[in-house]
PDB file of N, CA and C in Angstrom:
ATOM      1  N   UNK A   1    -110.929  -4.824 -56.413  1.00  0.00           N
ATOM      2  CA  UNK A   1    -109.927  -3.603 -56.669  1.00  0.00           C
ATOM      3  C   UNK A   1    -108.665  -3.491 -55.914  1.00  0.00           C
ATOM      4  N   UNK A   2    -107.646  -2.940 -56.409  1.00  0.00           N
ATOM      5  CA  UNK A   2    -106.527  -2.824 -56.010  1.00  0.00           C
ATOM      6  C   UNK A   2    -106.213  -1.465 -55.103  1.00  0.00           C
ATOM      7  N   UNK A   3    -105.297  -1.213 -54.290  1.00  0.00           N
ATOM      8  CA  UNK A   3    -104.852  -0.001 -53.496  1.00  0.00           C
ATOM      9  C   UNK A   3    -104.728   1.190 -54.426  1.00  0.00           C
ATOM     10  N   UNK A   4    -103.777   0.775 -55.510  1.00  0.00           N
ATOM     11  CA  UNK A   4    -103.444   2.133 -56.360  1.00  0.00           C
ATOM     12  C   UNK A   4    -104.831   2.396 -57.405  1.00  0.00           C
ATOM     13  N   UNK A   5    -105.509   1.461 -57.946  1.00  0.00           N
ATOM     14  CA  UNK A   5    -106.589   1.919 -58.484  1.00  0.00           C
ATOM     15  C   UNK A   5    -107.446   2.571 -57.819  1.00  0.00           C
ATOM     16  N   UNK A   6    -107.856   2.270 -56.570  1.00  0.00           N
ATOM     17  CA  UNK A   6    -108.671   2.901 -55.708  1.00  0.00           C
ATOM     18  C   UNK A   6    -108.158   4.314 -55.470  1.00  0.00           C
ATOM     19  N   UNK A   7    -106.866   4.490 -55.343  1.00  0.00           N
ATOM     20  CA  UNK A   7    -106.424   5.939 -55.060  1.00  0.00           C
ATOM     21  C   UNK A   7    -106.555   6.606 -56.611  1.00  0.00           C
ATOM     22  N   UNK A   8    -106.297   6.064 -57.467  1.00  0.00           N
ATOM     23  CA  UNK A   8    -106.603   6.753 -58.823  1.00  0.00           C
ATOM     24  C   UNK A   8    -107.928   7.366 -59.061  1.00  0.00           C
ATOM     25  N   UNK A   9    -109.066   6.282 -58.649  1.00  0.00           N
ATOM     26  CA  UNK A   9    -110.396   6.723 -58.636  1.00  0.00           C
ATOM     27  C   UNK A   9    -110.555   7.618 -57.555  1.00  0.00           C
ATOM     28  N   UNK A  10    -110.036   8.026 -56.523  1.00  0.00           N
ATOM     29  CA  UNK A  10    -110.192   8.917 -55.555  1.00  0.00           C
ATOM     30  C   UNK A  10    -109.688  10.187 -56.170  1.00  0.00           C
ATOM     31  N   UNK A  11    -108.438  10.312 -56.655  1.00  0.00           N
ATOM     32  CA  UNK A  11    -108.014  11.501 -57.346  1.00  0.00           C
ATOM     33  C   UNK A  11    -108.627  11.975 -58.457  1.00  0.00           C
ATOM     34  N   UNK A  12    -109.203  11.003 -59.336  1.00  0.00           N
ATOM     35  CA  UNK A  12    -110.375  11.541 -60.341  1.00  0.00           C
ATOM     36  C   UNK A  12    -111.408  12.225 -59.771  1.00  0.00           C
ATOM     37  N   UNK A  13    -112.129  11.834 -58.732  1.00  0.00           N
ATOM     38  CA  UNK A  13    -113.124  12.198 -58.252  1.00  0.00           C
ATOM     39  C   UNK A  13    -112.803  13.640 -57.494  1.00  0.00           C
ATOM     40  N   UNK A  14    -111.545  13.697 -56.891  1.00  0.00           N
ATOM     41  CA  UNK A  14    -111.152  14.951 -56.357  1.00  0.00           C
ATOM     42  C   UNK A  14    -110.908  15.997 -57.679  1.00  0.00           C
ATOM     43  N   UNK A  15    -110.494  15.440 -58.617  1.00  0.00           N
ATOM     44  CA  UNK A  15    -110.326  16.587 -59.749  1.00  0.00           C
ATOM     45  C   UNK A  15    -111.529  17.173 -60.370  1.00  0.00           C
ATOM     46  N   UNK A  16    -112.590  16.415 -60.306  1.00  0.00           N
ATOM     47  CA  UNK A  16    -113.635  16.625 -60.723  1.00  0.00           C
ATOM     48  C   UNK A  16    -114.458  17.639 -59.980  1.00  0.00           C
ATOM     49  N   UNK A  17    -113.956  17.674 -58.780  1.00  0.00           N
ATOM     50  CA  UNK A  17    -114.665  18.677 -57.549  1.00  0.00           C
ATOM     51  C   UNK A  17    -113.620  19.777 -57.515  1.00  0.00           C
ATOM     52  N   UNK A  18    -112.642  20.131 -58.365  1.00  0.00           N
ATOM     53  CA  UNK A  18    -111.876  21.667 -58.213  1.00  0.00           C
ATOM     54  C   UNK A  18    -112.777  22.385 -58.600  1.00  0.00           C
ATOM     55  N   UNK A  19    -112.666  23.413 -57.465  1.00  0.00           N
ATOM     56  CA  UNK A  19    -113.351  24.709 -57.451  1.00  0.00           C
ATOM     57  C   UNK A  19    -114.973  24.639 -57.042  1.00  0.00           C
ATOM     58  N   UNK A  20    -115.364  23.724 -56.477  1.00  0.00           N
ATOM     59  CA  UNK A  20    -116.150  23.203 -55.696  1.00  0.00           C
ATOM     60  C   UNK A  20    -116.209  23.037 -54.362  1.00  0.00           C
ATOM     61  N   UNK A  21    -115.641  22.050 -54.027  1.00  0.00           N
ATOM     62  CA  UNK A  21    -115.190  21.913 -52.669  1.00  0.00           C
ATOM     63  C   UNK A  21    -113.814  21.273 -52.508  1.00  0.00           C
ATOM     64  N   UNK A  22    -112.952  21.420 -53.550  1.00  0.00           N
ATOM     65  CA  UNK A  22    -111.354  21.022 -53.561  1.00  0.00           C
ATOM     66  C   UNK A  22    -110.661  22.101 -54.133  1.00  0.00           C
ATOM     67  N   UNK A  23    -109.626  22.605 -53.466  1.00  0.00           N
ATOM     68  CA  UNK A  23    -108.749  23.581 -54.165  1.00  0.00           C
ATOM     69  C   UNK A  23    -107.741  22.974 -55.108  1.00  0.00           C
ATOM     70  N   UNK A  24    -107.490  23.661 -56.074  1.00  0.00           N
ATOM     71  CA  UNK A  24    -106.596  23.166 -57.187  1.00  0.00           C
ATOM     72  C   UNK A  24    -105.375  22.810 -56.506  1.00  0.00           C
ATOM     73  N   UNK A  25    -104.983  23.678 -55.598  1.00  0.00           N
ATOM     74  CA  UNK A  25    -103.535  23.696 -55.067  1.00  0.00           C
ATOM     75  C   UNK A  25    -103.359  22.392 -54.022  1.00  0.00           C
ATOM     76  N   UNK A  26    -104.498  21.809 -53.602  1.00  0.00           N
ATOM     77  CA  UNK A  26    -104.521  20.446 -52.921  1.00  0.00           C
ATOM     78  C   UNK A  26    -104.111  19.219 -53.773  1.00  0.00           C
ATOM     79  N   UNK A  27    -104.082  19.317 -55.030  1.00  0.00           N
ATOM     80  CA  UNK A  27    -104.263  18.177 -55.699  1.00  0.00           C
ATOM     81  C   UNK A  27    -102.738  17.776 -55.725  1.00  0.00           C
ATOM     82  N   UNK A  28    -101.739  18.575 -55.583  1.00  0.00           N
ATOM     83  CA  UNK A  28    -100.485  17.953 -55.708  1.00  0.00           C
ATOM     84  C   UNK A  28    -100.131  17.117 -54.705  1.00  0.00           C
ATOM     85  N   UNK A  29    -100.606  16.964 -53.575  1.00  0.00           N
ATOM     86  CA  UNK A  29    -100.589  16.177 -52.271  1.00  0.00           C
ATOM     87  C   UNK A  29    -101.051  14.899 -52.291  1.00  0.00           C
ATOM     88  N   UNK A  30    -102.161  14.858 -53.367  1.00  0.00           N
ATOM     89  CA  UNK A  30    -102.738  13.465 -53.794  1.00  0.00           C
ATOM     90  C   UNK A  30    -101.836  13.127 -54.854  1.00  0.00           C
ATOM     91  N   UNK A  31    -101.327  13.444 -55.755  1.00  0.00           N
ATOM     92  CA  UNK A  31    -100.643  13.359 -56.844  1.00  0.00           C
ATOM     93  C   UNK A  31     -99.154  12.670 -56.211  1.00  0.00           C
ATOM     94  N   UNK A  32     -98.585  13.491 -55.397  1.00  0.00           N
ATOM     95  CA  UNK A  32     -97.484  12.865 -54.877  1.00  0.00           C
ATOM     96  C   UNK A  32     -97.623  11.828 -54.090  1.00  0.00           C
ATOM     97  N   UNK A  33     -98.515  11.557 -53.290  1.00  0.00           N
ATOM     98  CA  UNK A  33     -98.975  10.552 -52.436  1.00  0.00           C
ATOM     99  C   UNK A  33     -99.044   9.170 -53.406  1.00  0.00           C
ATOM    100  N   UNK A  34     -99.686   9.302 -54.445  1.00  0.00           N
ATOM    101  CA  UNK A  34     -99.924   8.365 -55.412  1.00  0.00           C
ATOM    102  C   UNK A  34     -98.310   7.898 -55.783  1.00  0.00           C
ATOM    103  N   UNK A  35     -97.422   8.807 -56.499  1.00  0.00           N
ATOM    104  CA  UNK A  35     -96.254   8.474 -56.839  1.00  0.00           C
ATOM    105  C   UNK A  35     -95.682   7.832 -55.750  1.00  0.00           C
ATOM    106  N   UNK A  36     -95.283   8.175 -54.430  1.00  0.00           N
ATOM    107  CA  UNK A  36     -94.608   7.585 -53.521  1.00  0.00           C
ATOM    108  C   UNK A  36     -95.093   6.265 -52.948  1.00  0.00           C
ATOM    109  N   UNK A  37     -96.387   6.213 -53.081  1.00  0.00           N
ATOM    110  CA  UNK A  37     -96.988   4.905 -52.636  1.00  0.00           C
ATOM    111  C   UNK A  37     -96.671   4.099 -53.633  1.00  0.00           C
ATOM    112  N   UNK A  38     -96.642   4.320 -54.785  1.00  0.00           N
ATOM    113  CA  UNK A  38     -96.447   3.371 -56.060  1.00  0.00           C
ATOM    114  C   UNK A  38     -95.073   3.077 -56.115  1.00  0.00           C
ATOM    115  N   UNK A  39     -94.115   3.957 -55.602  1.00  0.00           N
ATOM    116  CA  UNK A  39     -92.916   3.550 -55.356  1.00  0.00           C
ATOM    117  C   UNK A  39     -92.476   2.648 -54.264  1.00  0.00           C
ATOM    118  N   UNK A  40     -93.338   2.683 -53.432  1.00  0.00           N
ATOM    119  CA  UNK A  40     -93.281   1.816 -51.845  1.00  0.00           C
ATOM    120  C   UNK A  40     -93.707   0.652 -52.218  1.00  0.00           C
ATOM    121  N   UNK A  41     -94.799   0.502 -53.064  1.00  0.00           N
ATOM    122  CA  UNK A  41     -95.379  -0.817 -53.444  1.00  0.00           C
ATOM    123  C   UNK A  41     -94.366  -1.468 -54.121  1.00  0.00           C
ATOM    124  N   UNK A  42     -93.850  -1.038 -55.050  1.00  0.00           N
ATOM    125  CA  UNK A  42     -92.559  -1.549 -56.021  1.00  0.00           C
ATOM    126  C   UNK A  42     -91.629  -2.357 -55.363  1.00  0.00           C
ATOM    127  N   UNK A  43     -91.020  -1.266 -54.385  1.00  0.00           N
ATOM    128  CA  UNK A  43     -89.904  -1.745 -53.374  1.00  0.00           C
ATOM    129  C   UNK A  43     -90.384  -2.957 -52.675  1.00  0.00           C
ATOM    130  N   UNK A  44     -91.487  -2.637 -51.887  1.00  0.00           N
ATOM    131  CA  UNK A  44     -91.902  -3.465 -50.706  1.00  0.00           C
ATOM    132  C   UNK A  44     -92.633  -4.777 -51.399  1.00  0.00           C
ATOM    133  N   UNK A  45     -93.247  -4.969 -52.330  1.00  0.00           N
ATOM    134  CA  UNK A  45     -93.870  -5.987 -52.917  1.00  0.00           C
ATOM    135  C   UNK A  45     -93.291  -6.675 -54.212  1.00  0.00           C
ATOM    136  N   UNK A  46     -92.479  -5.732 -54.942  1.00  0.00           N
ATOM    137  CA  UNK A  46     -91.971  -6.084 -56.363  1.00  0.00           C
ATOM    138  C   UNK A  46     -92.915  -6.388 -57.103  1.00  0.00           C
ATOM    139  N   UNK A  47     -94.095  -5.474 -57.175  1.00  0.00           N
ATOM    140  CA  UNK A  47     -95.213  -5.477 -58.189  1.00  0.00           C
ATOM    141  C   UNK A  47     -95.624  -3.956 -58.228  1.00  0.00           C
ATOM    142  N   UNK A  48     -96.630  -3.551 -59.294  1.00  0.00           N
ATOM    143  CA  UNK A  48     -97.078  -2.455 -59.608  1.00  0.00           C
ATOM    144  C   UNK A  48     -98.338  -2.171 -58.713  1.00  0.00           C
ATOM    145  N   UNK A  49     -98.797  -2.895 -58.045  1.00  0.00           N
ATOM    146  CA  UNK A  49    -100.118  -2.800 -57.541  1.00  0.00           C
ATOM    147  C   UNK A  49    -100.412  -3.767 -56.341  1.00  0.00           C
ATOM    148  N   UNK A  50    -101.068  -3.552 -55.268  1.00  0.00           N
ATOM    149  CA  UNK A  50    -101.545  -4.675 -54.179  1.00  0.00           C
ATOM    150  C   UNK A  50    -103.000  -4.764 -54.431  1.00  0.00           C
ATOM    151  N   UNK A  51    -103.540  -5.858 -53.976  1.00  0.00           N
ATOM    152  CA  UNK A  51    -104.832  -6.065 -53.600  1.00  0.00           C
ATOM    153  C   UNK A  51    -104.923  -5.799 -52.024  1.00  0.00           C
ATOM    154  N   UNK A  52    -106.175  -5.245 -51.658  1.00  0.00           N
ATOM    155  CA  UNK A  52    -106.216  -4.972 -50.254  1.00  0.00           C
ATOM    156  C   UNK A  52    -106.100  -6.181 -49.335  1.00  0.00           C
ATOM    157  N   UNK A  53    -106.231  -7.359 -49.743  1.00  0.00           N
ATOM    158  CA  UNK A  53    -105.872  -8.603 -48.924  1.00  0.00           C
ATOM    159  C   UNK A  53    -104.674  -8.725 -48.657  1.00  0.00           C
ATOM    160  N   UNK A  54    -103.649  -8.388 -49.597  1.00  0.00           N
ATOM    161  CA  UNK A  54    -102.325  -8.233 -49.255  1.00  0.00           C
ATOM    162  C   UNK A  54    -101.706  -7.305 -48.201  1.00  0.00           C
ATOM    163  N   UNK A  55    -102.368  -6.427 -47.895  1.00  0.00           N
ATOM    164  CA  UNK A  55    -102.013  -5.467 -46.798  1.00  0.00           C
ATOM    165  C   UNK A  55    -102.054  -6.065 -45.510  1.00  0.00           C
ATOM    166  N   UNK A  56    -101.209  -5.685 -44.672  1.00  0.00           N
ATOM    167  CA  UNK A  56    -101.430  -5.987 -43.024  1.00  0.00           C
ATOM    168  C   UNK A  56    -101.009  -4.770 -42.168  1.00  0.00           C
ATOM    169  N   UNK A  57    -101.292  -5.010 -41.106  1.00  0.00           N
ATOM    170  CA  UNK A  57    -101.313  -3.806 -40.031  1.00  0.00           C
ATOM    171  C   UNK A  57     -99.978  -3.147 -39.991  1.00  0.00           C
ATOM    172  N   UNK A  58     -98.895  -3.763 -40.561  1.00  0.00           N
ATOM    173  CA  UNK A  58     -97.611  -3.053 -40.585  1.00  0.00           C
ATOM    174  C   UNK A  58     -97.371  -2.057 -41.894  1.00  0.00           C
ATOM    175  N   UNK A  59     -98.238  -2.042 -42.729  1.00  0.00           N
ATOM    176  CA  UNK A  59     -98.131  -1.151 -43.903  1.00  0.00           C
ATOM    177  C   UNK A  59     -97.999   0.253 -43.505  1.00  0.00           C
ATOM    178  N   UNK A  60     -98.898   1.017 -42.650  1.00  0.00           N
ATOM    179  CA  UNK A  60     -98.982   2.385 -42.354  1.00  0.00           C
ATOM    180  C   UNK A  60     -97.495   2.613 -41.981  1.00  0.00           C
ATOM    181  N   UNK A  61     -96.781   1.834 -41.017  1.00  0.00           N
ATOM    182  CA  UNK A  61     -95.561   2.028 -40.354  1.00  0.00           C
ATOM    183  C   UNK A  61     -94.513   1.926 -41.527  1.00  0.00           C
ATOM    184  N   UNK A  62     -94.570   0.977 -42.178  1.00  0.00           N
ATOM    185  CA  UNK A  62     -93.517   1.028 -43.260  1.00  0.00           C
ATOM    186  C   UNK A  62     -93.511   1.983 -44.196  1.00  0.00           C
ATOM    187  N   UNK A  63     -94.625   2.352 -44.607  1.00  0.00           N
ATOM    188  CA  UNK A  63     -94.837   3.525 -45.443  1.00  0.00           C
ATOM    189  C   UNK A  63     -94.436   4.763 -45.168  1.00  0.00           C
ATOM    190  N   UNK A  64     -94.594   5.043 -43.633  1.00  0.00           N
ATOM    191  CA  UNK A  64     -94.151   6.179 -42.936  1.00  0.00           C
ATOM    192  C   UNK A  64     -92.825   6.189 -42.830  1.00  0.00           C
ATOM    193  N   UNK A  65     -92.060   4.921 -42.531  1.00  0.00           N
ATOM    194  CA  UNK A  65     -90.672   4.972 -42.743  1.00  0.00           C
ATOM    195  C   UNK A  65     -90.094   5.307 -43.977  1.00  0.00           C
ATOM    196  N   UNK A  66     -90.756   4.646 -44.990  1.00  0.00           N
ATOM    197  CA  UNK A  66     -90.401   4.815 -46.480  1.00  0.00           C
ATOM    198  C   UNK A  66     -90.409   6.465 -46.729  1.00  0.00           C
ATOM    199  N   UNK A  67     -91.389   7.264 -46.429  1.00  0.00           N
ATOM    200  CA  UNK A  67     -91.164   8.472 -46.528  1.00  0.00           C
ATOM    201  C   UNK A  67     -90.434   9.261 -45.871  1.00  0.00           C
ATOM    202  N   UNK A  68     -90.195   9.003 -44.533  1.00  0.00           N
ATOM    203  CA  UNK A  68     -89.524   9.818 -43.740  1.00  0.00           C
ATOM    204  C   UNK A  68     -87.777   9.448 -43.830  1.00  0.00           C
ATOM    205  N   UNK A  69     -87.495   7.970 -43.839  1.00  0.00           N
ATOM    206  CA  UNK A  69     -86.212   7.830 -43.729  1.00  0.00           C
ATOM    207  C   UNK A  69     -85.765   7.659 -45.492  1.00  0.00           C
ATOM    208  N   UNK A  70     -86.329   6.905 -46.205  1.00  0.00           N
ATOM    209  CA  UNK A  70     -85.755   6.608 -47.474  1.00  0.00           C
ATOM    210  C   UNK A  70     -85.750   7.877 -48.433  1.00  0.00           C
ATOM    211  N   UNK A  71     -87.017   8.580 -48.369  1.00  0.00           N
ATOM    212  CA  UNK A  71     -87.325   9.779 -49.211  1.00  0.00           C
ATOM    213  C   UNK A  71     -86.862  11.086 -48.506  1.00  0.00           C
ATOM    214  N   UNK A  72     -86.808  10.990 -47.206  1.00  0.00           N
ATOM    215  CA  UNK A  72     -86.263  12.251 -46.369  1.00  0.00           C
ATOM    216  C   UNK A  72     -86.938  13.315 -46.274  1.00  0.00           C
ATOM    217  N   UNK A  73     -88.435  13.056 -46.334  1.00  0.00           N
ATOM    218  CA  UNK A  73     -89.422  14.138 -46.431  1.00  0.00           C
ATOM    219  C   UNK A  73     -89.714  14.486 -44.850  1.00  0.00           C
ATOM    220  N   UNK A  74     -90.636  15.526 -44.767  1.00  0.00           N
ATOM    221  CA  UNK A  74     -90.690  16.166 -43.214  1.00  0.00           C
ATOM    222  C   UNK A  74     -92.010  15.194 -42.722  1.00  0.00           C
ATOM    223  N   UNK A  75     -92.154  15.414 -41.543  1.00  0.00           N
ATOM    224  CA  UNK A  75     -92.750  14.709 -40.762  1.00  0.00           C
ATOM    225  C   UNK A  75     -94.214  15.210 -40.991  1.00  0.00           C
ATOM    226  N   UNK A  76     -94.654  16.128 -41.328  1.00  0.00           N
ATOM    227  CA  UNK A  76     -96.012  17.070 -41.704  1.00  0.00           C
ATOM    228  C   UNK A  76     -96.145  16.483 -43.183  1.00  0.00           C
ATOM    229  N   UNK A  77     -95.417  16.362 -44.091  1.00  0.00           N
ATOM    230  CA  UNK A  77     -95.549  15.908 -45.372  1.00  0.00           C
ATOM    231  C   UNK A  77     -96.118  14.324 -45.044  1.00  0.00           C
ATOM    232  N   UNK A  78     -95.401  13.570 -44.346  1.00  0.00           N
ATOM    233  CA  UNK A  78     -95.591  11.965 -44.150  1.00  0.00           C
ATOM    234  C   UNK A  78     -97.172  12.189 -43.658  1.00  0.00           C
ATOM    235  N   UNK A  79     -97.604  13.065 -42.606  1.00  0.00           N
ATOM    236  CA  UNK A  79     -98.933  12.940 -42.262  1.00  0.00           C
ATOM    237  C   UNK A  79    -100.050  12.963 -43.047  1.00  0.00           C
ATOM    238  N   UNK A  80     -99.591  14.387 -44.207  1.00  0.00           N
ATOM    239  CA  UNK A  80    -100.635  14.277 -45.098  1.00  0.00           C
ATOM    240  C   UNK A  80    -100.869  12.958 -46.047  1.00  0.00           C
ATOM    241  N   UNK A  81     -99.741  12.613 -46.452  1.00  0.00           N
ATOM    242  CA  UNK A  81     -99.708  11.328 -47.324  1.00  0.00           C
ATOM    243  C   UNK A  81    -100.268  10.149 -46.591  1.00  0.00           C
ATOM    244  N   UNK A  82    -100.101   9.883 -45.407  1.00  0.00           N
ATOM    245  CA  UNK A  82    -100.644   8.828 -44.559  1.00  0.00           C
ATOM    246  C   UNK A  82    -102.331   9.126 -44.329  1.00  0.00           C
ATOM    247  N   UNK A  83    -102.792  10.221 -44.381  1.00  0.00           N
ATOM    248  CA  UNK A  83    -104.093  10.640 -44.155  1.00  0.00           C
ATOM    249  C   UNK A  83    -104.967  10.265 -45.494  1.00  0.00           C
ATOM    250  N   UNK A  84    -104.431  10.368 -46.585  1.00  0.00           N
ATOM    251  CA  UNK A  84    -104.931  10.065 -47.914  1.00  0.00           C
ATOM    252  C   UNK A  84    -104.736   8.725 -48.152  1.00  0.00           C
ATOM    253  N   UNK A  85    -103.801   8.280 -47.518  1.00  0.00           N
ATOM    254  CA  UNK A  85    -103.924   6.720 -47.807  1.00  0.00           C
ATOM    255  C   UNK A  85    -104.889   6.073 -46.702  1.00  0.00           C
ATOM    256  N   UNK A  86    -105.076   6.675 -45.489  1.00  0.00           N
ATOM    257  CA  UNK A  86    -106.026   6.300 -44.732  1.00  0.00           C
ATOM    258  C   UNK A  86    -107.721   6.301 -45.168  1.00  0.00           C
ATOM    259  N   UNK A  87    -107.723   7.481 -46.031  1.00  0.00           N
ATOM    260  CA  UNK A  87    -108.862   7.652 -46.670  1.00  0.00           C
ATOM    261  C   UNK A  87    -109.446   6.773 -47.492  1.00  0.00           C
ATOM    262  N   UNK A  88    -108.357   6.030 -48.408  1.00  0.00           N
ATOM    263  CA  UNK A  88    -108.647   5.158 -49.306  1.00  0.00           C
ATOM    264  C   UNK A  88    -108.711   3.588 -49.011  1.00  0.00           C
ATOM    265  N   UNK A  89    -108.649   3.236 -47.830  1.00  0.00           N
ATOM    266  CA  UNK A  89    -108.385   1.890 -47.306  1.00  0.00           C
ATOM    267  C   UNK A  89    -109.786   1.210 -46.890  1.00  0.00           C
ATOM    268  N   UNK A  90    -110.545   2.145 -46.219  1.00  0.00           N
ATOM    269  CA  UNK A  90    -111.498   1.579 -45.495  1.00  0.00           C
ATOM    270  C   UNK A  90    -112.747   0.821 -46.367  1.00  0.00           C
ATOM    271  N   UNK A  91    -112.957   1.629 -47.563  1.00  0.00           N
ATOM    272  CA  UNK A  91    -113.861   1.142 -48.503  1.00  0.00           C
ATOM    273  C   UNK A  91    -113.347  -0.225 -48.957  1.00  0.00           C
ATOM    274  N   UNK A  92    -112.121  -0.447 -49.250  1.00  0.00           N
ATOM    275  CA  UNK A  92    -111.531  -1.717 -49.941  1.00  0.00           C
ATOM    276  C   UNK A  92    -111.273  -2.970 -49.032  1.00  0.00           C
ATOM    277  N   UNK A  93    -111.256  -2.499 -47.673  1.00  0.00           N
ATOM    278  CA  UNK A  93    -111.200  -3.634 -46.483  1.00  0.00           C
ATOM    279  C   UNK A  93    -112.375  -3.768 -45.882  1.00  0.00           C
ATOM    280  N   UNK A  94    -113.100  -4.864 -46.421  1.00  0.00           N
ATOM    281  CA  UNK A  94    -114.305  -5.031 -45.628  1.00  0.00           C
ATOM    282  C   UNK A  94    -114.439  -6.246 -44.868  1.00  0.00           C
ATOM    283  N   UNK A  95    -115.144  -6.361 -43.899  1.00  0.00           N
ATOM    284  CA  UNK A  95    -115.387  -7.474 -42.901  1.00  0.00           C
ATOM    285  C   UNK A  95    -114.126  -7.670 -41.852  1.00  0.00           C
ATOM    286  N   UNK A  96    -113.502  -6.721 -41.672  1.00  0.00           N
ATOM    287  CA  UNK A  96    -112.336  -6.873 -40.842  1.00  0.00           C
ATOM    288  C   UNK A  96    -113.005  -6.272 -39.324  1.00  0.00           C
ATOM    289  N   UNK A  97    -112.675  -6.982 -38.162  1.00  0.00           N
ATOM    290  CA  UNK A  97    -112.775  -6.367 -37.070  1.00  0.00           C
ATOM    291  C   UNK A  97    -111.681  -5.254 -36.727  1.00  0.00           C
ATOM    292  N   UNK A  98    -111.886  -4.411 -35.921  1.00  0.00           N
ATOM    293  CA  UNK A  98    -110.878  -3.265 -35.174  1.00  0.00           C
ATOM    294  C   UNK A  98    -109.511  -3.977 -35.096  1.00  0.00           C
ATOM    295  N   UNK A  99    -109.552  -5.230 -34.528  1.00  0.00           N
ATOM    296  CA  UNK A  99    -108.416  -5.568 -34.192  1.00  0.00           C
ATOM    297  C   UNK A  99    -107.463  -6.062 -35.649  1.00  0.00           C
ATOM    298  N   UNK A 100    -108.265  -6.445 -36.591  1.00  0.00           N
ATOM    299  CA  UNK A 100    -107.462  -6.629 -38.135  1.00  0.00           C
ATOM    300  C   UNK A 100    -107.533  -5.504 -38.913  1.00  0.00           C
ATOM    301  N   UNK A 101    -108.249  -4.539 -38.607  1.00  0.00           N
ATOM    302  CA  UNK A 101    -108.343  -3.194 -39.416  1.00  0.00           C
ATOM    303  C   UNK A 101    -107.014  -2.450 -39.469  1.00  0.00           C
ATOM    304  N   UNK A 102    -106.682  -2.016 -40.658  1.00  0.00           N
ATOM    305  CA  UNK A 102    -105.450  -1.129 -40.766  1.00  0.00           C
ATOM    306  C   UNK A 102    -105.964   0.119 -40.130  1.00  0.00           C
ATOM    307  N   UNK A 103    -104.927   0.819 -39.692  1.00  0.00           N
ATOM    308  CA  UNK A 103    -105.126   2.001 -39.023  1.00  0.00           C
ATOM    309  C   UNK A 103    -106.017   1.981 -37.871  1.00  0.00           C
ATOM    310  N   UNK A 104    -106.246   1.090 -37.344  1.00  0.00           N
ATOM    311  CA  UNK A 104    -107.191   0.824 -36.203  1.00  0.00           C
ATOM    312  C   UNK A 104    -106.433   1.623 -35.003  1.00  0.00           C
ATOM    313  N   UNK A 105    -105.052   1.303 -34.838  1.00  0.00           N
ATOM    314  CA  UNK A 105    -104.668   1.786 -33.605  1.00  0.00           C
ATOM    315  C   UNK A 105    -103.421   2.683 -34.302  1.00  0.00           C
ATOM    316  N   UNK A 106    -103.151   2.780 -35.500  1.00  0.00           N
ATOM    317  CA  UNK A 106    -101.780   3.734 -35.817  1.00  0.00           C
ATOM    318  C   UNK A 106    -101.993   5.152 -35.678  1.00  0.00           C
ATOM    319  N   UNK A 107    -100.973   5.652 -35.291  1.00  0.00           N
ATOM    320  CA  UNK A 107    -100.961   7.182 -34.928  1.00  0.00           C
ATOM    321  C   UNK A 107     -99.647   7.903 -35.610  1.00  0.00           C
ATOM    322  N   UNK A 108     -99.963   8.933 -36.463  1.00  0.00           N
ATOM    323  CA  UNK A 108     -98.761   9.319 -37.083  1.00  0.00           C
ATOM    324  C   UNK A 108     -97.797  10.042 -36.181  1.00  0.00           C
ATOM    325  N   UNK A 109     -96.502  10.175 -36.527  1.00  0.00           N
ATOM    326  CA  UNK A 109     -95.686  10.877 -35.728  1.00  0.00           C
ATOM    327  C   UNK A 109     -96.016  12.240 -35.679  1.00  0.00           C
ATOM    328  N   UNK A 110     -95.995  12.898 -34.400  1.00  0.00           N
ATOM    329  CA  UNK A 110     -96.516  14.215 -34.247  1.00  0.00           C
ATOM    330  C   UNK A 110     -95.335  15.034 -33.551  1.00  0.00           C
ATOM    331  N   UNK A 111     -95.515  16.289 -33.808  1.00  0.00           N
ATOM    332  CA  UNK A 111     -94.416  17.126 -32.802  1.00  0.00           C
ATOM    333  C   UNK A 111     -95.047  17.615 -31.479  1.00  0.00           C
ATOM    334  N   UNK A 112     -94.429  17.553 -30.483  1.00  0.00           N
ATOM    335  CA  UNK A 112     -95.189  17.825 -29.131  1.00  0.00           C
ATOM    336  C   UNK A 112     -95.506  19.377 -29.269  1.00  0.00           C
ATOM    337  N   UNK A 113     -96.503  20.002 -28.881  1.00  0.00           N
ATOM    338  CA  UNK A 113     -96.745  21.631 -28.565  1.00  0.00           C
ATOM    339  C   UNK A 113     -96.005  21.825 -27.456  1.00  0.00           C
ATOM    340  N   UNK A 114     -95.510  22.840 -27.745  1.00  0.00           N
ATOM    341  CA  UNK A 114     -94.829  23.542 -26.590  1.00  0.00           C
ATOM    342  C   UNK A 114     -95.816  24.450 -25.637  1.00  0.00           C
ATOM    343  N   UNK A 115     -95.702  24.237 -24.555  1.00  0.00           N
ATOM    344  CA  UNK A 115     -96.832  24.900 -23.677  1.00  0.00           C
ATOM    345  C   UNK A 115     -96.045  25.633 -22.304  1.00  0.00           C
ATOM    346  N   UNK A 116     -96.514  26.486 -22.184  1.00  0.00           N
ATOM    347  CA  UNK A 116     -96.042  27.645 -21.146  1.00  0.00           C
ATOM    348  C   UNK A 116     -97.147  28.128 -20.182  1.00  0.00           C
ATOM    349  N   UNK A 117     -97.031  28.065 -19.038  1.00  0.00           N
ATOM    350  CA  UNK A 117     -97.951  28.164 -18.161  1.00  0.00           C
ATOM    351  C   UNK A 117     -97.777  29.611 -17.693  1.00  0.00           C
ATOM    352  N   UNK A 118     -96.645  30.136 -17.648  1.00  0.00           N
ATOM    353  CA  UNK A 118     -96.439  31.523 -17.146  1.00  0.00           C
ATOM    354  C   UNK A 118     -95.951  31.459 -15.368  1.00  0.00           C
ATOM    355  N   UNK A 119     -96.063  30.398 -15.199  1.00  0.00           N
ATOM    356  CA  UNK A 119     -95.902  30.082 -13.723  1.00  0.00           C
ATOM    357  C   UNK A 119     -94.541  29.595 -13.619  1.00  0.00           C
ATOM    358  N   UNK A 120     -93.688  29.925 -12.625  1.00  0.00           N
ATOM    359  CA  UNK A 120     -92.214  29.347 -12.381  1.00  0.00           C
ATOM    360  C   UNK A 120     -92.507  28.453 -10.994  1.00  0.00           C
ATOM    361  N   UNK A 121     -91.787  27.271 -11.341  1.00  0.00           N
ATOM    362  CA  UNK A 121     -91.931  26.227  -9.889  1.00  0.00           C
ATOM    363  C   UNK A 121     -90.988  26.693  -9.112  1.00  0.00           C
TER     364      UNK A 121
END
């Protein structure tokens, strides 16, 4: 199975669960993830889809850069898209150790929370 076929299957599964445990409004995030991931694969690999064996540990960072820099989308949007990508990788990537597994040590860009203690130094 290829990455985009796996994502398409996941999206169809989510569609079948609308109104049960999936909100209709959340489907747009899955659809946009599919669109941008397809564009990224076309640009990066010069093909319409990729087998899981073609992916390496740099893909999450490259996809994040594509979303943030090339497409100019917000960090929160990138986090949502990467979470969906991450959900679809483990089942397709079998037999890899943590050192080889995609997303094993990948963390998305986050905003630092503002903390105030109320005490002045």
